[in-house]
Amino acid sequence: MISLFGRKKTKPDAVSKSMVIKQKRYEALVYTLHGDLFRYAFWLCHDRQVAEDLVQETFLRAWKALDSLKDEKAAKAWLITILRRENARRFERKQFDLVDLDSVPVPDKQSPGPEQDMETEWLRRHIAELAEEYREPLLLQVLGGFSGEEIAEILELNKNTVMTRLFRARNKLKEAMDQDKSSRGQSNG
């Protein structure tokens, strides 16, 4: 069948089959990666509703560009990159009143007890105090489960730079822990 413009028309069945395949692929991405994306978005913005909006926008953009995803193994990194860019877009158009959200403790309702709550809060506070260049790769590794190579791709950095930043982030947390232990020892003794 030829259209008025001299191009061959695609059969409606072929189009609908293509859409069904795309939809199934998309639904699999959403089902598999929604939780990881939400956790990362929440760490970025510290607001449940904003995180949900970011994830929704990320999946909307992913739907529109799904045909550009060639390797399913790269889907998580691809979606995290979209999410990071979507988060950056929030600040491009509008100037917000700044509030230091890193200093606001976020209670962990899934902790088994008060001791675990204290440790989790300590860790969150110290991670939040890290410079962004150390905090972001650490969160991508710990929360996202990304490898050094994947983090380098997401942050558009050299892998060695990422590995150095991860090493320094862990050392800074270890130093903070050692400092807290020694200050507790002095106050108890």
Protein backbone atom coordinates (compact mmCIF):
# COMPACT_ATOMS: atom_id res chain seq x y z
CA MET A 1 0.00 0.00 0.00
CA ILE A 2 1.44 3.42 -0.99
CA SER A 3 0.42 6.72 0.59
CA LEU A 4 -0.03 10.03 -1.20
CA PHE A 5 3.57 10.94 -0.36
CA GLY A 6 5.00 7.90 -2.10
CA ARG A 7 5.93 6.06 1.11
CA LYS A 8 4.90 2.61 1.95
CA LYS A 9 2.23 2.58 4.66
CA THR A 10 2.84 0.44 7.70
CA LYS A 11 0.16 -2.05 8.45
CA PRO A 12 -1.84 -1.21 11.58
CA ASP A 13 -1.05 -4.65 13.05
CA ALA A 14 2.69 -4.01 12.86
CA VAL A 15 2.29 -0.66 14.63
CA SER A 16 0.14 -2.10 17.39
CA LYS A 17 2.56 -5.04 17.90
CA SER A 18 5.42 -2.57 18.14
CA MET A 19 3.52 -0.53 20.74
CA VAL A 20 2.71 -3.65 22.76
CA ILE A 21 6.39 -4.62 22.81
CA LYS A 22 7.39 -1.10 23.83
CA GLN A 23 4.75 -1.04 26.57
CA LYS A 24 5.88 -4.40 27.99
CA ARG A 25 9.49 -3.25 27.95
CA TYR A 26 8.52 -0.03 29.70
CA GLU A 27 6.39 -1.79 32.32
CA ALA A 28 9.27 -4.14 33.09
CA LEU A 29 11.56 -1.13 33.65
CA VAL A 30 9.07 0.57 35.95
CA TYR A 31 8.38 -2.60 37.93
CA THR A 32 12.06 -3.49 38.32
CA LEU A 33 13.62 -0.09 38.97
CA HIS A 34 10.93 2.10 40.56
CA GLY A 35 12.13 1.43 44.12
CA ASP A 36 15.78 2.17 43.36
CA LEU A 37 14.90 5.39 41.55
CA PHE A 38 12.63 6.53 44.37
CA ARG A 39 15.32 5.90 47.02
CA TYR A 40 17.87 7.87 45.02
CA ALA A 41 15.42 10.70 44.31
CA PHE A 42 14.55 10.89 48.00
CA TRP A 43 18.24 11.18 48.91
CA LEU A 44 18.57 14.00 46.39
CA CYS A 45 15.63 16.09 47.54
CA HIS A 46 14.66 14.83 51.05
CA ASP A 47 10.98 15.25 50.20
CA ARG A 48 8.70 12.29 49.50
CA GLN A 49 6.33 14.15 47.14
CA VAL A 50 9.13 15.79 45.17
CA ALA A 51 10.88 12.41 44.92
CA GLU A 52 7.68 10.82 43.61
CA ASP A 53 7.32 13.64 41.07
CA LEU A 54 10.94 13.22 39.97
CA VAL A 55 10.47 9.49 39.47
CA GLN A 56 7.25 10.06 37.54
CA GLU A 57 8.91 12.63 35.28
CA THR A 58 11.88 10.31 34.83
CA PHE A 59 9.64 7.49 33.66
CA LEU A 60 7.71 9.86 31.40
CA ARG A 61 10.93 10.93 29.70
CA ALA A 62 12.06 7.31 29.59
CA TRP A 63 8.85 6.34 27.77
CA LYS A 64 9.44 9.02 25.17
CA ALA A 65 13.07 7.95 24.64
CA LEU A 66 12.70 4.20 25.22
CA ASP A 67 13.76 3.38 21.66
CA SER A 68 17.16 4.97 22.37
CA LEU A 69 17.86 2.39 25.12
CA LYS A 70 19.74 -0.31 23.25
CA ASP A 71 21.17 -2.33 26.14
CA GLU A 72 18.74 -3.42 28.86
CA LYS A 73 21.69 -3.89 31.26
CA ALA A 74 22.32 -0.14 31.10
CA ALA A 75 18.70 0.75 31.95
CA LYS A 76 19.35 1.59 35.61
CA ALA A 77 22.24 3.94 34.82
CA TRP A 78 20.22 5.45 31.97
CA LEU A 79 17.25 6.12 34.27
CA ILE A 80 19.44 7.54 37.05
CA THR A 81 20.97 9.93 34.53
CA ILE A 82 17.50 11.03 33.44
CA LEU A 83 16.49 11.47 37.10
CA ARG A 84 19.58 13.58 37.89
CA ARG A 85 18.87 15.82 34.90
CA GLU A 86 15.21 16.06 35.86
CA ASN A 87 16.24 17.10 39.37
CA ALA A 88 18.55 19.77 37.93
CA ARG A 89 15.68 21.10 35.80
CA ARG A 90 13.73 21.85 38.98
CA PHE A 91 16.25 24.56 39.79
CA GLU A 92 16.74 26.00 36.31
CA ARG A 93 13.47 27.90 36.09
CA LYS A 94 12.63 28.80 39.63
CA GLN A 95 14.53 30.32 42.51
CA PHE A 96 13.62 28.67 45.79
CA ASP A 97 13.98 29.91 49.33
CA LEU A 98 16.89 27.87 50.61
CA VAL A 99 16.44 25.70 53.66
CA ASP A 100 19.18 23.37 54.88
CA LEU A 101 17.36 20.05 54.49
CA ASP A 102 20.51 18.09 55.29
CA SER A 103 20.27 19.22 58.90
CA VAL A 104 16.68 17.98 59.24
CA PRO A 105 16.71 14.40 60.50
CA VAL A 106 14.59 11.96 58.54
CA PRO A 107 13.31 9.25 60.86
CA ASP A 108 13.77 5.67 59.73
CA LYS A 109 10.54 3.87 60.54
CA GLN A 110 11.90 0.46 59.56
CA SER A 111 14.75 0.30 62.10
CA PRO A 112 14.53 -2.53 64.59
CA GLY A 113 15.28 -0.42 67.66
CA PRO A 114 16.53 2.83 69.19
CA GLU A 115 20.18 1.82 68.99
CA GLN A 116 19.84 1.15 65.26
CA ASP A 117 17.97 4.46 64.90
CA MET A 118 20.89 6.29 66.49
CA GLU A 119 23.42 4.58 64.22
CA THR A 120 21.32 5.21 61.11
CA GLU A 121 20.80 8.86 62.04
CA TRP A 122 24.52 9.25 62.75
CA LEU A 123 25.36 7.77 59.35
CA ARG A 124 22.80 9.92 57.50
CA ARG A 125 24.01 13.05 59.24
CA HIS A 126 27.65 12.36 58.40
CA ILE A 127 26.90 11.41 54.80
CA ALA A 128 24.88 14.63 54.45
CA GLU A 129 27.89 16.58 55.76
CA LEU A 130 30.18 15.18 53.06
CA ALA A 131 30.97 17.49 50.17
CA GLU A 132 28.68 16.73 47.21
CA GLU A 133 31.63 15.46 45.15
CA TYR A 134 32.05 12.65 47.72
CA ARG A 135 28.43 12.20 48.77
CA GLU A 136 26.93 11.65 45.32
CA PRO A 137 29.21 8.78 44.18
CA LEU A 138 28.85 7.12 47.61
CA LEU A 139 25.05 7.27 47.43
CA LEU A 140 25.04 5.95 43.89
CA GLN A 141 27.15 3.02 45.04
CA VAL A 142 25.37 2.30 48.32
CA LEU A 143 21.77 3.07 47.38
CA GLY A 144 21.90 2.44 43.66
CA GLY A 145 24.25 -0.52 43.68
CA PHE A 146 26.25 0.92 40.80
CA SER A 147 29.81 -0.12 39.98
CA GLY A 148 32.63 2.41 39.72
CA GLU A 149 32.39 2.34 35.93
CA GLU A 150 28.64 2.96 35.99
CA ILE A 151 29.03 5.84 38.46
CA ALA A 152 31.72 7.36 36.25
CA GLU A 153 29.35 7.20 33.29
CA ILE A 154 26.42 8.69 35.24
CA LEU A 155 28.49 11.55 36.70
CA GLU A 156 30.47 11.97 33.47
CA LEU A 157 33.78 11.49 35.30
CA ASN A 158 36.86 9.34 34.88
CA LYS A 159 36.57 5.98 36.69
CA ASN A 160 39.77 6.67 38.68
CA THR A 161 38.29 9.97 39.87
CA VAL A 162 35.16 8.15 41.04
CA MET A 163 37.17 5.47 42.84
CA THR A 164 39.28 8.14 44.57
CA ARG A 165 36.15 10.00 45.68
CA LEU A 166 34.58 6.79 47.01
CA PHE A 167 37.77 6.00 48.92
CA ARG A 168 37.90 9.50 50.40
CA ALA A 169 34.20 9.46 51.30
CA ARG A 170 34.62 6.21 53.21
CA ASN A 171 37.74 7.54 54.93
CA LYS A 172 35.91 10.69 55.99
CA LEU A 173 33.12 8.57 57.50
CA LYS A 174 35.70 6.36 59.24
CA GLU A 175 37.49 9.44 60.62
CA ALA A 176 34.18 10.79 61.93
CA MET A 177 33.45 7.44 63.57
CA ASP A 178 36.91 7.29 65.16
CA GLN A 179 36.52 10.87 66.36
CA ASP A 180 33.13 10.10 67.91
CA LYS A 181 34.53 6.99 69.62
CA SER A 182 37.46 8.90 71.08
CA SER A 183 35.22 11.77 72.27
CA ARG A 184 32.89 9.24 73.94
CA GLY A 185 35.84 7.57 75.58
CA GLN A 186 37.03 10.89 77.00
CA SER A 187 33.59 11.83 78.33
CA ASN A 188 33.14 8.40 79.97
CA GLY A 189 36.63 8.28 81.50
